[in-house]
Amino acid sequence: MMSTYYITIKDFCSSHDIEESFVFSLREFELVTLELKEQELYIHQEELPKLEKMVRLYRDLGINLEGLEAIYYLLERVEQMQMEVNQLKNKLRRWED
């Protein structure tokens, strides 16, 4: 059985030196999922790489929340298309033999 790990919003924000309101804004744009446990908001470990990427884009490149939303959905679409290309390549390999 796989363990599930979470980090509090407070811990994440303090370690990345960002305001909690930024994470809440990302949640409003449905870019991250937060979970409420024991009166505290948490981020699932699987969300951390995506959230850290958004923090870097926001802080380092000055991209606003609307831009982050657009980038996130475009990156998701590219990832889906890459998976589809790989599936099609695998199908072609079967026909080449």
C-alpha atoms as a PDB file:
ATOM      1  CA  MET A   1       0.000   0.000   0.000  1.00  0.00           C
ATOM      2  CA  MET A   2       1.329   3.402  -0.959  1.00  0.00           C
ATOM      3  CA  SER A   3       1.556   6.120   1.675  1.00  0.00           C
ATOM      4  CA  THR A   4       0.103   9.533   1.030  1.00  0.00           C
ATOM      5  CA  TYR A   5       2.047  12.574   2.139  1.00  0.00           C
ATOM      6  CA  TYR A   6       0.933  16.155   2.542  1.00  0.00           C
ATOM      7  CA  ILE A   7       2.593  19.440   3.392  1.00  0.00           C
ATOM      8  CA  THR A   8       0.835  22.361   5.034  1.00  0.00           C
ATOM      9  CA  ILE A   9       0.307  25.540   3.056  1.00  0.00           C
ATOM     10  CA  LYS A  10       2.118  27.451   5.797  1.00  0.00           C
ATOM     11  CA  ASP A  11       5.200  25.238   5.542  1.00  0.00           C
ATOM     12  CA  PHE A  12       5.264  25.388   1.755  1.00  0.00           C
ATOM     13  CA  CYS A  13       4.869  29.163   1.678  1.00  0.00           C
ATOM     14  CA  SER A  14       7.482  29.795   4.346  1.00  0.00           C
ATOM     15  CA  SER A  15      10.022  27.518   2.650  1.00  0.00           C
ATOM     16  CA  HIS A  16       9.419  29.193  -0.740  1.00  0.00           C
ATOM     17  CA  ASP A  17       9.070  32.704   0.688  1.00  0.00           C
ATOM     18  CA  ILE A  18       5.669  33.387  -0.859  1.00  0.00           C
ATOM     19  CA  GLU A  19       2.352  34.588   0.499  1.00  0.00           C
ATOM     20  CA  GLU A  20      -0.366  32.071   1.279  1.00  0.00           C
ATOM     21  CA  SER A  21      -2.740  34.213  -0.764  1.00  0.00           C
ATOM     22  CA  PHE A  22      -0.801  33.199  -3.904  1.00  0.00           C
ATOM     23  CA  VAL A  23      -1.598  29.520  -3.278  1.00  0.00           C
ATOM     24  CA  PHE A  24      -5.223  30.381  -2.526  1.00  0.00           C
ATOM     25  CA  SER A  25      -5.404  32.281  -5.818  1.00  0.00           C
ATOM     26  CA  LEU A  26      -4.052  29.244  -7.654  1.00  0.00           C
ATOM     27  CA  ARG A  27      -6.778  27.185  -6.030  1.00  0.00           C
ATOM     28  CA  GLU A  28      -9.420  29.679  -7.237  1.00  0.00           C
ATOM     29  CA  PHE A  29      -8.068  29.251 -10.775  1.00  0.00           C
ATOM     30  CA  GLU A  30      -8.287  25.467 -10.185  1.00  0.00           C
ATOM     31  CA  LEU A  31      -4.569  25.045 -10.786  1.00  0.00           C
ATOM     32  CA  VAL A  32      -3.888  23.292  -7.460  1.00  0.00           C
ATOM     33  CA  THR A  33      -5.956  21.163  -5.156  1.00  0.00           C
ATOM     34  CA  LEU A  34      -5.870  21.790  -1.431  1.00  0.00           C
ATOM     35  CA  GLU A  35      -7.205  19.498   1.245  1.00  0.00           C
ATOM     36  CA  LEU A  36      -8.583  20.530   4.609  1.00  0.00           C
ATOM     37  CA  LYS A  37      -7.524  18.269   7.455  1.00  0.00           C
ATOM     38  CA  GLU A  38      -7.782  19.079  11.123  1.00  0.00           C
ATOM     39  CA  GLN A  39      -8.492  22.780  10.509  1.00  0.00           C
ATOM     40  CA  GLU A  40      -5.382  23.105   8.318  1.00  0.00           C
ATOM     41  CA  LEU A  41      -4.990  23.314   4.523  1.00  0.00           C
ATOM     42  CA  TYR A  42      -2.585  20.843   2.936  1.00  0.00           C
ATOM     43  CA  ILE A  43      -1.028  20.217  -0.466  1.00  0.00           C
ATOM     44  CA  HIS A  44      -0.617  16.634  -1.668  1.00  0.00           C
ATOM     45  CA  GLN A  45       2.953  15.636  -2.508  1.00  0.00           C
ATOM     46  CA  GLU A  46       2.013  15.016  -6.146  1.00  0.00           C
ATOM     47  CA  GLU A  47       0.997  18.677  -6.474  1.00  0.00           C
ATOM     48  CA  LEU A  48       4.372  19.995  -5.260  1.00  0.00           C
ATOM     49  CA  PRO A  49       6.342  19.923  -8.553  1.00  0.00           C
ATOM     50  CA  LYS A  50       3.524  21.712 -10.375  1.00  0.00           C
ATOM     51  CA  LEU A  51       3.149  24.259  -7.584  1.00  0.00           C
ATOM     52  CA  GLU A  52       6.895  24.889  -7.415  1.00  0.00           C
ATOM     53  CA  LYS A  53       6.985  25.424 -11.190  1.00  0.00           C
ATOM     54  CA  MET A  54       4.189  27.991 -10.910  1.00  0.00           C
ATOM     55  CA  VAL A  55       5.990  29.785  -8.091  1.00  0.00           C
ATOM     56  CA  ARG A  56       9.116  30.054 -10.262  1.00  0.00           C
ATOM     57  CA  LEU A  57       7.151  31.321 -13.267  1.00  0.00           C
ATOM     58  CA  TYR A  58       5.336  33.842 -11.098  1.00  0.00           C
ATOM     59  CA  ARG A  59       8.365  35.068  -9.180  1.00  0.00           C
ATOM     60  CA  ASP A  60      11.208  34.782 -11.690  1.00  0.00           C
ATOM     61  CA  LEU A  61       9.379  35.687 -14.885  1.00  0.00           C
ATOM     62  CA  GLY A  62       6.652  37.901 -13.441  1.00  0.00           C
ATOM     63  CA  ILE A  63       3.834  35.919 -15.051  1.00  0.00           C
ATOM     64  CA  ASN A  64       0.425  36.807 -13.615  1.00  0.00           C
ATOM     65  CA  LEU A  65      -2.217  34.314 -12.531  1.00  0.00           C
ATOM     66  CA  GLU A  66      -4.058  34.431 -15.847  1.00  0.00           C
ATOM     67  CA  GLY A  67      -0.787  33.702 -17.633  1.00  0.00           C
ATOM     68  CA  LEU A  68      -0.059  30.819 -15.269  1.00  0.00           C
ATOM     69  CA  GLU A  69      -3.470  29.381 -16.038  1.00  0.00           C
ATOM     70  CA  ALA A  70      -2.830  29.559 -19.785  1.00  0.00           C
ATOM     71  CA  ILE A  71       0.664  28.077 -19.458  1.00  0.00           C
ATOM     72  CA  TYR A  72      -0.580  25.257 -17.248  1.00  0.00           C
ATOM     73  CA  TYR A  73      -3.294  24.196 -19.678  1.00  0.00           C
ATOM     74  CA  LEU A  74      -0.963  24.472 -22.668  1.00  0.00           C
ATOM     75  CA  LEU A  75       1.650  22.317 -20.931  1.00  0.00           C
ATOM     76  CA  GLU A  76      -1.021  19.751 -20.080  1.00  0.00           C
ATOM     77  CA  ARG A  77      -2.138  19.696 -23.706  1.00  0.00           C
ATOM     78  CA  VAL A  78       1.445  19.272 -24.948  1.00  0.00           C
ATOM     79  CA  GLU A  79       1.926  16.383 -22.526  1.00  0.00           C
ATOM     80  CA  GLN A  80      -1.267  14.713 -23.777  1.00  0.00           C
ATOM     81  CA  MET A  81      -0.184  15.165 -27.368  1.00  0.00           C
ATOM     82  CA  GLN A  82       3.250  13.702 -26.599  1.00  0.00           C
ATOM     83  CA  MET A  83       1.616  10.620 -25.096  1.00  0.00           C
ATOM     84  CA  GLU A  84      -0.549  10.298 -28.195  1.00  0.00           C
ATOM     85  CA  VAL A  85       2.495  10.585 -30.471  1.00  0.00           C
ATOM     86  CA  ASN A  86       4.251   7.857 -28.484  1.00  0.00           C
ATOM     87  CA  GLN A  87       1.214   5.594 -28.801  1.00  0.00           C
ATOM     88  CA  LEU A  88       1.080   6.174 -32.555  1.00  0.00           C
ATOM     89  CA  LYS A  89       4.810   5.438 -32.864  1.00  0.00           C
ATOM     90  CA  ASN A  90       4.295   2.163 -31.043  1.00  0.00           C
ATOM     91  CA  LYS A  91       1.475   1.231 -33.415  1.00  0.00           C
ATOM     92  CA  LEU A  92       3.658   2.051 -36.426  1.00  0.00           C
ATOM     93  CA  ARG A  93       6.475  -0.131 -35.110  1.00  0.00           C
ATOM     94  CA  ARG A  94       4.109  -3.100 -35.083  1.00  0.00           C
ATOM     95  CA  TRP A  95       3.333  -2.537 -38.768  1.00  0.00           C
ATOM     96  CA  GLU A  96       7.011  -2.114 -39.737  1.00  0.00           C
ATOM     97  CA  ASP A  97       7.982  -5.600 -38.600  1.00  0.00           C
END
